Amino acid sequence: MITKRGQLKKSRLISVDPPLVYFQLNNEHCLIARHGLNFFADVAPGMTVVVSGSYNKRGQFVARDYGVLGKTKVMIDYELSPYPAKKRGSDFYASK
């Protein structure tokens, strides 16, 4: 397996069934099929990503696993959410 690291330039959903995502890592064109929808939700352009995979017969890099260095897009969206956090535990029932 080959490991690559770099900044994501762009990503695009090619197919829904089965999920297939095209992305450009630095200046290399790549595909991801396994966990493609999770990848599409976790990563935004400009984020640093580490992918591992191999080349197929057509010479395209097909990623099997990925990792985001830093916070994912879902984590950032959650932190920037305008809604207040819910009270949890005994504090919730004590306030009633």
PDB file of N, CA and C in Angstrom:
ATOM      1  N   MET A   1       0.830  -1.178   0.000  1.00  0.00           N
ATOM      2  CA  MET A   1       0.000   0.000   0.000  1.00  0.00           C
ATOM      3  C   MET A   1       0.873   1.240   0.000  1.00  0.00           C
ATOM      4  N   ILE A   2       0.416   2.240  -0.685  1.00  0.00           N
ATOM      5  CA  ILE A   2       1.126   3.502  -0.793  1.00  0.00           C
ATOM      6  C   ILE A   2       0.402   4.535   0.066  1.00  0.00           C
ATOM      7  N   THR A   3       1.149   5.337   0.793  1.00  0.00           N
ATOM      8  CA  THR A   3       0.567   6.382   1.632  1.00  0.00           C
ATOM      9  C   THR A   3       0.915   7.733   1.041  1.00  0.00           C
ATOM     10  N   LYS A   4      -0.097   8.595   0.937  1.00  0.00           N
ATOM     11  CA  LYS A   4       0.096   9.944   0.404  1.00  0.00           C
ATOM     12  C   LYS A   4      -0.487  10.946   1.375  1.00  0.00           C
ATOM     13  N   ARG A   5       0.163  12.109   1.442  1.00  0.00           N
ATOM     14  CA  ARG A   5      -0.276  13.172   2.337  1.00  0.00           C
ATOM     15  C   ARG A   5      -0.262  14.485   1.581  1.00  0.00           C
ATOM     16  N   GLY A   6      -1.275  15.309   1.802  1.00  0.00           N
ATOM     17  CA  GLY A   6      -1.305  16.604   1.139  1.00  0.00           C
ATOM     18  C   GLY A   6      -2.601  17.346   1.391  1.00  0.00           C
ATOM     19  N   GLN A   7      -2.714  18.488   0.729  1.00  0.00           N
ATOM     20  CA  GLN A   7      -3.917  19.301   0.857  1.00  0.00           C
ATOM     21  C   GLN A   7      -4.922  18.905  -0.203  1.00  0.00           C
ATOM     22  N   LEU A   8      -6.166  18.844   0.218  1.00  0.00           N
ATOM     23  CA  LEU A   8      -7.254  18.526  -0.706  1.00  0.00           C
ATOM     24  C   LEU A   8      -7.582  19.779  -1.508  1.00  0.00           C
ATOM     25  N   LYS A   9      -7.520  19.671  -2.826  1.00  0.00           N
ATOM     26  CA  LYS A   9      -7.821  20.820  -3.677  1.00  0.00           C
ATOM     27  C   LYS A   9      -9.306  20.870  -4.015  1.00  0.00           C
ATOM     28  N   LYS A  10      -9.884  19.723  -4.412  1.00  0.00           N
ATOM     29  CA  LYS A  10     -11.319  19.673  -4.699  1.00  0.00           C
ATOM     30  C   LYS A  10     -11.813  18.246  -4.585  1.00  0.00           C
ATOM     31  N   SER A  11     -13.114  18.112  -4.377  1.00  0.00           N
ATOM     32  CA  SER A  11     -13.722  16.785  -4.309  1.00  0.00           C
ATOM     33  C   SER A  11     -15.081  16.852  -4.992  1.00  0.00           C
ATOM     34  N   ARG A  12     -15.468  15.699  -5.525  1.00  0.00           N
ATOM     35  CA  ARG A  12     -16.723  15.637  -6.274  1.00  0.00           C
ATOM     36  C   ARG A  12     -17.310  14.240  -6.141  1.00  0.00           C
ATOM     37  N   LEU A  13     -18.612  14.168  -5.949  1.00  0.00           N
ATOM     38  CA  LEU A  13     -19.314  12.891  -5.875  1.00  0.00           C
ATOM     39  C   LEU A  13     -19.615  12.443  -7.304  1.00  0.00           C
ATOM     40  N   ILE A  14     -19.041  11.318  -7.705  1.00  0.00           N
ATOM     41  CA  ILE A  14     -19.209  10.831  -9.076  1.00  0.00           C
ATOM     42  C   ILE A  14     -20.424   9.920  -9.194  1.00  0.00           C
ATOM     43  N   SER A  15     -20.540   8.991  -8.257  1.00  0.00           N
ATOM     44  CA  SER A  15     -21.613   8.004  -8.315  1.00  0.00           C
ATOM     45  C   SER A  15     -22.186   7.804  -6.920  1.00  0.00           C
ATOM     46  N   VAL A  16     -23.505   7.562  -6.850  1.00  0.00           N
ATOM     47  CA  VAL A  16     -24.157   7.365  -5.560  1.00  0.00           C
ATOM     48  C   VAL A  16     -24.281   5.891  -5.227  1.00  0.00           C
ATOM     49  N   ASP A  17     -24.551   5.050  -6.196  1.00  0.00           N
ATOM     50  CA  ASP A  17     -24.715   3.624  -5.939  1.00  0.00           C
ATOM     51  C   ASP A  17     -23.824   2.831  -6.873  1.00  0.00           C
ATOM     52  N   PRO A  18     -22.695   2.354  -6.488  1.00  0.00           N
ATOM     53  CA  PRO A  18     -22.019   2.486  -5.198  1.00  0.00           C
ATOM     54  C   PRO A  18     -21.394   3.868  -5.066  1.00  0.00           C
ATOM     55  N   PRO A  19     -21.208   4.345  -3.830  1.00  0.00           N
ATOM     56  CA  PRO A  19     -20.636   5.676  -3.645  1.00  0.00           C
ATOM     57  C   PRO A  19     -19.188   5.744  -4.134  1.00  0.00           C
ATOM     58  N   LEU A  20     -18.932   6.694  -5.021  1.00  0.00           N
ATOM     59  CA  LEU A  20     -17.600   6.876  -5.577  1.00  0.00           C
ATOM     60  C   LEU A  20     -17.284   8.366  -5.560  1.00  0.00           C
ATOM     61  N   VAL A  21     -16.194   8.729  -4.924  1.00  0.00           N
ATOM     62  CA  VAL A  21     -15.820  10.134  -4.776  1.00  0.00           C
ATOM     63  C   VAL A  21     -14.473  10.369  -5.458  1.00  0.00           C
ATOM     64  N   TYR A  22     -14.443  11.410  -6.281  1.00  0.00           N
ATOM     65  CA  TYR A  22     -13.203  11.858  -6.910  1.00  0.00           C
ATOM     66  C   TYR A  22     -12.654  13.004  -6.071  1.00  0.00           C
ATOM     67  N   PHE A  23     -11.348  13.016  -5.846  1.00  0.00           N
ATOM     68  CA  PHE A  23     -10.740  14.143  -5.166  1.00  0.00           C
ATOM     69  C   PHE A  23      -9.338  14.371  -5.713  1.00  0.00           C
ATOM     70  N   GLN A  24      -8.877  15.603  -5.550  1.00  0.00           N
ATOM     71  CA  GLN A  24      -7.554  15.967  -6.021  1.00  0.00           C
ATOM     72  C   GLN A  24      -6.698  16.291  -4.814  1.00  0.00           C
ATOM     73  N   LEU A  25      -5.679  15.494  -4.613  1.00  0.00           N
ATOM     74  CA  LEU A  25      -4.755  15.644  -3.490  1.00  0.00           C
ATOM     75  C   LEU A  25      -3.463  16.229  -4.041  1.00  0.00           C
ATOM     76  N   ASN A  26      -3.139  17.450  -3.605  1.00  0.00           N
ATOM     77  CA  ASN A  26      -2.058  18.233  -4.212  1.00  0.00           C
ATOM     78  C   ASN A  26      -2.369  18.350  -5.703  1.00  0.00           C
ATOM     79  N   ASN A  27      -1.642  17.714  -6.579  1.00  0.00           N
ATOM     80  CA  ASN A  27      -1.969  17.766  -8.010  1.00  0.00           C
ATOM     81  C   ASN A  27      -2.239  16.384  -8.580  1.00  0.00           C
ATOM     82  N   GLU A  28      -2.551  15.417  -7.718  1.00  0.00           N
ATOM     83  CA  GLU A  28      -2.803  14.054  -8.167  1.00  0.00           C
ATOM     84  C   GLU A  28      -4.294  13.740  -8.072  1.00  0.00           C
ATOM     85  N   HIS A  29      -4.805  13.104  -9.106  1.00  0.00           N
ATOM     86  CA  HIS A  29      -6.220  12.742  -9.164  1.00  0.00           C
ATOM     87  C   HIS A  29      -6.413  11.389  -8.489  1.00  0.00           C
ATOM     88  N   CYS A  30      -7.403  11.318  -7.573  1.00  0.00           N
ATOM     89  CA  CYS A  30      -7.613  10.107  -6.784  1.00  0.00           C
ATOM     90  C   CYS A  30      -9.098   9.759  -6.727  1.00  0.00           C
ATOM     91  N   LEU A  31      -9.374   8.513  -6.387  1.00  0.00           N
ATOM     92  CA  LEU A  31     -10.733   8.025  -6.195  1.00  0.00           C
ATOM     93  C   LEU A  31     -10.808   7.328  -4.839  1.00  0.00           C
ATOM     94  N   ILE A  32     -12.000   7.361  -4.238  1.00  0.00           N
ATOM     95  CA  ILE A  32     -12.230   6.583  -3.025  1.00  0.00           C
ATOM     96  C   ILE A  32     -13.625   5.977  -3.132  1.00  0.00           C
ATOM     97  N   ALA A  33     -13.708   4.672  -2.937  1.00  0.00           N
ATOM     98  CA  ALA A  33     -14.991   3.975  -3.004  1.00  0.00           C
ATOM     99  C   ALA A  33     -15.428   3.533  -1.615  1.00  0.00           C
ATOM    100  N   ARG A  34     -14.509   2.910  -0.878  1.00  0.00           N
ATOM    101  CA  ARG A  34     -14.818   2.516   0.496  1.00  0.00           C
ATOM    102  C   ARG A  34     -14.906   3.773   1.336  1.00  0.00           C
ATOM    103  N   HIS A  35     -15.939   3.910   2.106  1.00  0.00           N
ATOM    104  CA  HIS A  35     -16.148   5.065   2.976  1.00  0.00           C
ATOM    105  C   HIS A  35     -16.212   6.365   2.179  1.00  0.00           C
ATOM    106  N   GLY A  36     -16.666   6.300   0.947  1.00  0.00           N
ATOM    107  CA  GLY A  36     -16.685   7.473   0.087  1.00  0.00           C
ATOM    108  C   GLY A  36     -17.581   8.584   0.598  1.00  0.00           C
ATOM    109  N   LEU A  37     -18.766   8.239   1.092  1.00  0.00           N
ATOM    110  CA  LEU A  37     -19.678   9.267   1.591  1.00  0.00           C
ATOM    111  C   LEU A  37     -19.170   9.871   2.897  1.00  0.00           C
ATOM    112  N   ASN A  38     -18.537   9.059   3.738  1.00  0.00           N
ATOM    113  CA  ASN A  38     -17.936   9.597   4.960  1.00  0.00           C
ATOM    114  C   ASN A  38     -16.803  10.562   4.609  1.00  0.00           C
ATOM    115  N   PHE A  39     -16.006  10.203   3.632  1.00  0.00           N
ATOM    116  CA  PHE A  39     -14.926  11.069   3.187  1.00  0.00           C
ATOM    117  C   PHE A  39     -15.489  12.386   2.676  1.00  0.00           C
ATOM    118  N   PHE A  40     -16.553  12.313   1.894  1.00  0.00           N
ATOM    119  CA  PHE A  40     -17.170  13.507   1.313  1.00  0.00           C
ATOM    120  C   PHE A  40     -17.713  14.419   2.410  1.00  0.00           C
ATOM    121  N   ALA A  41     -18.217  13.837   3.506  1.00  0.00           N
ATOM    122  CA  ALA A  41     -18.762  14.630   4.614  1.00  0.00           C
ATOM    123  C   ALA A  41     -17.674  15.162   5.536  1.00  0.00           C
ATOM    124  N   ASP A  42     -16.553  14.467   5.659  1.00  0.00           N
ATOM    125  CA  ASP A  42     -15.503  14.834   6.611  1.00  0.00           C
ATOM    126  C   ASP A  42     -14.514  15.865   6.085  1.00  0.00           C
ATOM    127  N   VAL A  43     -14.334  15.938   4.777  1.00  0.00           N
ATOM    128  CA  VAL A  43     -13.227  16.706   4.221  1.00  0.00           C
ATOM    129  C   VAL A  43     -13.742  17.853   3.359  1.00  0.00           C
ATOM    130  N   ALA A  44     -13.097  18.998   3.482  1.00  0.00           N
ATOM    131  CA  ALA A  44     -13.395  20.171   2.662  1.00  0.00           C
ATOM    132  C   ALA A  44     -12.089  20.627   1.992  1.00  0.00           C
ATOM    133  N   PRO A  45     -12.189  21.359   0.893  1.00  0.00           N
ATOM    134  CA  PRO A  45     -10.974  21.850   0.234  1.00  0.00           C
ATOM    135  C   PRO A  45     -10.111  22.680   1.184  1.00  0.00           C
ATOM    136  N   GLY A  46      -8.806  22.430   1.126  1.00  0.00           N
ATOM    137  CA  GLY A  46      -7.861  23.129   1.976  1.00  0.00           C
ATOM    138  C   GLY A  46      -7.425  22.331   3.195  1.00  0.00           C
ATOM    139  N   MET A  47      -8.117  21.257   3.520  1.00  0.00           N
ATOM    140  CA  MET A  47      -7.760  20.425   4.673  1.00  0.00           C
ATOM    141  C   MET A  47      -6.608  19.491   4.306  1.00  0.00           C
ATOM    142  N   THR A  48      -5.814  19.140   5.305  1.00  0.00           N
ATOM    143  CA  THR A  48      -4.706  18.207   5.102  1.00  0.00           C
ATOM    144  C   THR A  48      -5.205  16.787   5.360  1.00  0.00           C
ATOM    145  N   VAL A  49      -4.945  15.906   4.397  1.00  0.00           N
ATOM    146  CA  VAL A  49      -5.473  14.546   4.420  1.00  0.00           C
ATOM    147  C   VAL A  49      -4.337  13.560   4.192  1.00  0.00           C
ATOM    148  N   VAL A  50      -4.433  12.404   4.850  1.00  0.00           N
ATOM    149  CA  VAL A  50      -3.515  11.288   4.613  1.00  0.00           C
ATOM    150  C   VAL A  50      -4.353  10.135   4.073  1.00  0.00           C
ATOM    151  N   VAL A  51      -3.976   9.605   2.922  1.00  0.00           N
ATOM    152  CA  VAL A  51      -4.702   8.490   2.321  1.00  0.00           C
ATOM    153  C   VAL A  51      -3.729   7.360   2.037  1.00  0.00           C
ATOM    154  N   SER A  52      -4.239   6.150   2.097  1.00  0.00           N
ATOM    155  CA  SER A  52      -3.434   4.987   1.718  1.00  0.00           C
ATOM    156  C   SER A  52      -4.240   4.165   0.733  1.00  0.00           C
ATOM    157  N   GLY A  53      -3.549   3.644  -0.248  1.00  0.00           N
ATOM    158  CA  GLY A  53      -4.221   2.875  -1.283  1.00  0.00           C
ATOM    159  C   GLY A  53      -3.216   2.373  -2.298  1.00  0.00           C
ATOM    160  N   SER A  54      -3.723   2.148  -3.509  1.00  0.00           N
ATOM    161  CA  SER A  54      -2.863   1.638  -4.571  1.00  0.00           C
ATOM    162  C   SER A  54      -3.382   2.131  -5.915  1.00  0.00           C
ATOM    163  N   TYR A  55      -2.593   1.897  -6.945  1.00  0.00           N
ATOM    164  CA  TYR A  55      -2.982   2.283  -8.293  1.00  0.00           C
ATOM    165  C   TYR A  55      -3.739   1.135  -8.955  1.00  0.00           C
ATOM    166  N   ASN A  56      -4.758   1.470  -9.752  1.00  0.00           N
ATOM    167  CA  ASN A  56      -5.479   0.440 -10.491  1.00  0.00           C
ATOM    168  C   ASN A  56      -4.861   0.276 -11.883  1.00  0.00           C
ATOM    169  N   LYS A  57      -5.475  -0.533 -12.723  1.00  0.00           N
ATOM    170  CA  LYS A  57      -4.927  -0.814 -14.053  1.00  0.00           C
ATOM    171  C   LYS A  57      -4.895   0.422 -14.942  1.00  0.00           C
ATOM    172  N   ARG A  58      -5.789   1.372 -14.687  1.00  0.00           N
ATOM    173  CA  ARG A  58      -5.840   2.594 -15.486  1.00  0.00           C
ATOM    174  C   ARG A  58      -4.856   3.657 -14.999  1.00  0.00           C
ATOM    175  N   GLY A  59      -4.132   3.361 -13.936  1.00  0.00           N
ATOM    176  CA  GLY A  59      -3.160   4.304 -13.409  1.00  0.00           C
ATOM    177  C   GLY A  59      -3.750   5.335 -12.463  1.00  0.00           C
ATOM    178  N   GLN A  60      -4.981   5.102 -11.995  1.00  0.00           N
ATOM    179  CA  GLN A  60      -5.629   6.010 -11.051  1.00  0.00           C
ATOM    180  C   GLN A  60      -5.321   5.545  -9.632  1.00  0.00           C
ATOM    181  N   PHE A  61      -5.088   6.488  -8.733  1.00  0.00           N
ATOM    182  CA  PHE A  61      -4.839   6.142  -7.343  1.00  0.00           C
ATOM    183  C   PHE A  61      -6.186   5.922  -6.661  1.00  0.00           C
ATOM    184  N   VAL A  62      -6.398   4.732  -6.128  1.00  0.00           N
ATOM    185  CA  VAL A  62      -7.633   4.378  -5.445  1.00  0.00           C
ATOM    186  C   VAL A  62      -7.327   4.265  -3.954  1.00  0.00           C
ATOM    187  N   ALA A  63      -7.927   5.166  -3.173  1.00  0.00           N
ATOM    188  CA  ALA A  63      -7.677   5.202  -1.732  1.00  0.00           C
ATOM    189  C   ALA A  63      -8.558   4.181  -1.028  1.00  0.00           C
ATOM    190  N   ARG A  64      -7.980   3.479  -0.058  1.00  0.00           N
ATOM    191  CA  ARG A  64      -8.736   2.515   0.736  1.00  0.00           C
ATOM    192  C   ARG A  64      -9.044   3.071   2.120  1.00  0.00           C
ATOM    193  N   ASP A  65      -8.124   3.801   2.696  1.00  0.00           N
ATOM    194  CA  ASP A  65      -8.303   4.404   4.018  1.00  0.00           C
ATOM    195  C   ASP A  65      -7.898   5.863   3.945  1.00  0.00           C
ATOM    196  N   TYR A  66      -8.451   6.656   4.856  1.00  0.00           N
ATOM    197  CA  TYR A  66      -8.086   8.065   4.903  1.00  0.00           C
ATOM    198  C   TYR A  66      -8.085   8.542   6.345  1.00  0.00           C
ATOM    199  N   GLY A  67      -7.405   9.637   6.552  1.00  0.00           N
ATOM    200  CA  GLY A  67      -7.381  10.288   7.854  1.00  0.00           C
ATOM    201  C   GLY A  67      -7.245  11.783   7.650  1.00  0.00           C
ATOM    202  N   VAL A  68      -7.922  12.546   8.481  1.00  0.00           N
ATOM    203  CA  VAL A  68      -7.868  14.000   8.396  1.00  0.00           C
ATOM    204  C   VAL A  68      -6.957  14.497   9.515  1.00  0.00           C
ATOM    205  N   LEU A  69      -5.981  15.306   9.168  1.00  0.00           N
ATOM    206  CA  LEU A  69      -5.106  15.898  10.172  1.00  0.00           C
ATOM    207  C   LEU A  69      -5.771  17.172  10.669  1.00  0.00           C
ATOM    208  N   GLY A  70      -6.110  17.198  11.921  1.00  0.00           N
ATOM    209  CA  GLY A  70      -6.844  18.330  12.483  1.00  0.00           C
ATOM    210  C   GLY A  70      -8.310  17.965  12.626  1.00  0.00           C
ATOM    211  N   LYS A  71      -9.161  18.974  12.580  1.00  0.00           N
ATOM    212  CA  LYS A  71     -10.598  18.754  12.757  1.00  0.00           C
ATOM    213  C   LYS A  71     -11.278  18.480  11.423  1.00  0.00           C
ATOM    214  N   THR A  72     -12.255  17.588  11.458  1.00  0.00           N
ATOM    215  CA  THR A  72     -13.022  17.285  10.257  1.00  0.00           C
ATOM    216  C   THR A  72     -14.073  18.369  10.034  1.00  0.00           C
ATOM    217  N   LYS A  73     -14.682  18.347   8.858  1.00  0.00           N
ATOM    218  CA  LYS A  73     -15.695  19.338   8.517  1.00  0.00           C
ATOM    219  C   LYS A  73     -16.910  19.222   9.432  1.00  0.00           C
ATOM    220  N   VAL A  74     -17.270  18.005   9.808  1.00  0.00           N
ATOM    221  CA  VAL A  74     -18.406  17.781  10.701  1.00  0.00           C
ATOM    222  C   VAL A  74     -18.126  18.382  12.077  1.00  0.00           C
ATOM    223  N   MET A  75     -16.898  18.214  12.574  1.00  0.00           N
ATOM    224  CA  MET A  75     -16.537  18.783  13.875  1.00  0.00           C
ATOM    225  C   MET A  75     -16.571  20.310  13.845  1.00  0.00           C
ATOM    226  N   ILE A  76     -16.092  20.901  12.770  1.00  0.00           N
ATOM    227  CA  ILE A  76     -16.089  22.350  12.643  1.00  0.00           C
ATOM    228  C   ILE A  76     -17.517  22.882  12.563  1.00  0.00           C
ATOM    229  N   ASP A  77     -18.371  22.217  11.788  1.00  0.00           N
ATOM    230  CA  ASP A  77     -19.764  22.634  11.682  1.00  0.00           C
ATOM    231  C   ASP A  77     -20.478  22.536  13.025  1.00  0.00           C
ATOM    232  N   TYR A  78     -20.161  21.514  13.801  1.00  0.00           N
ATOM    233  CA  TYR A  78     -20.784  21.341  15.113  1.00  0.00           C
ATOM    234  C   TYR A  78     -20.345  22.451  16.068  1.00  0.00           C
ATOM    235  N   GLU A  79     -19.068  22.797  16.040  1.00  0.00           N
ATOM    236  CA  GLU A  79     -18.570  23.849  16.921  1.00  0.00           C
ATOM    237  C   GLU A  79     -19.135  25.212  16.563  1.00  0.00           C
ATOM    238  N   LEU A  80     -19.373  25.451  15.286  1.00  0.00           N
ATOM    239  CA  LEU A  80     -19.887  26.738  14.831  1.00  0.00           C
ATOM    240  C   LEU A  80     -21.412  26.801  14.836  1.00  0.00           C
ATOM    241  N   SER A  81     -22.053  25.760  15.330  1.00  0.00           N
ATOM    242  CA  SER A  81     -23.509  25.696  15.366  1.00  0.00           C
ATOM    243  C   SER A  81     -24.065  26.807  16.259  1.00  0.00           C
ATOM    244  N   PRO A  82     -25.134  27.494  15.813  1.00  0.00           N
ATOM    245  CA  PRO A  82     -25.696  28.583  16.610  1.00  0.00           C
ATOM    246  C   PRO A  82     -26.561  28.095  17.764  1.00  0.00           C
ATOM    247  N   TYR A  83     -26.851  26.808  17.820  1.00  0.00           N
ATOM    248  CA  TYR A  83     -27.733  26.288  18.852  1.00  0.00           C
ATOM    249  C   TYR A  83     -26.962  26.042  20.141  1.00  0.00           C
ATOM    250  N   PRO A  84     -27.554  26.338  21.297  1.00  0.00           N
ATOM    251  CA  PRO A  84     -26.841  26.105  22.568  1.00  0.00           C
ATOM    252  C   PRO A  84     -26.746  24.616  22.877  1.00  0.00           C
ATOM    253  N   ALA A  85     -25.765  24.268  23.697  1.00  0.00           N
ATOM    254  CA  ALA A  85     -25.587  22.880  24.102  1.00  0.00           C
ATOM    255  C   ALA A  85     -26.696  22.483  25.062  1.00  0.00           C
ATOM    256  N   LYS A  86     -27.110  21.227  24.977  1.00  0.00           N
ATOM    257  CA  LYS A  86     -28.133  20.726  25.891  1.00  0.00           C
ATOM    258  C   LYS A  86     -27.529  20.460  27.256  1.00  0.00           C
ATOM    259  N   LYS A  87     -28.345  20.641  28.293  1.00  0.00           N
ATOM    260  CA  LYS A  87     -27.887  20.301  29.638  1.00  0.00           C
ATOM    261  C   LYS A  87     -27.931  18.792  29.777  1.00  0.00           C
ATOM    262  N   ARG A  88     -26.967  18.251  30.471  1.00  0.00           N
ATOM    263  CA  ARG A  88     -26.887  16.792  30.599  1.00  0.00           C
ATOM    264  C   ARG A  88     -26.791  16.404  32.055  1.00  0.00           C
ATOM    265  N   GLY A  89     -27.133  15.165  32.319  1.00  0.00           N
ATOM    266  CA  GLY A  89     -26.967  14.593  33.652  1.00  0.00           C
ATOM    267  C   GLY A  89     -27.956  15.144  34.655  1.00  0.00           C
ATOM    268  N   SER A  90     -27.528  15.205  35.895  1.00  0.00           N
ATOM    269  CA  SER A  90     -28.423  15.603  36.989  1.00  0.00           C
ATOM    270  C   SER A  90     -28.772  17.080  36.916  1.00  0.00           C
ATOM    271  N   ASP A  91     -27.976  17.907  36.257  1.00  0.00           N
ATOM    272  CA  ASP A  91     -28.288  19.325  36.156  1.00  0.00           C
ATOM    273  C   ASP A  91     -29.585  19.553  35.403  1.00  0.00           C
ATOM    274  N   PHE A  92     -29.878  18.687  34.432  1.00  0.00           N
ATOM    275  CA  PHE A  92     -31.080  18.837  33.625  1.00  0.00           C
ATOM    276  C   PHE A  92     -32.326  18.655  34.493  1.00  0.00           C
ATOM    277  N   TYR A  93     -32.323  17.644  35.351  1.00  0.00           N
ATOM    278  CA  TYR A  93     -33.504  17.374  36.173  1.00  0.00           C
ATOM    279  C   TYR A  93     -33.577  18.308  37.389  1.00  0.00           C
ATOM    280  N   ALA A  94     -32.461  18.841  37.828  1.00  0.00           N
ATOM    281  CA  ALA A  94     -32.459  19.741  38.982  1.00  0.00           C
ATOM    282  C   ALA A  94     -33.065  21.091  38.624  1.00  0.00           C
ATOM    283  N   SER A  95     -32.999  21.484  37.339  1.00  0.00           N
ATOM    284  CA  SER A  95     -33.512  22.795  36.964  1.00  0.00           C
ATOM    285  C   SER A  95     -35.029  22.814  36.806  1.00  0.00           C
ATOM    286  N   LYS A  96     -35.674  21.673  36.792  1.00  0.00           N
ATOM    287  CA  LYS A  96     -37.132  21.639  36.598  1.00  0.00           C
ATOM    288  C   LYS A  96     -37.879  21.785  37.873  1.00  0.00           C
TER     289      LYS A  96
END
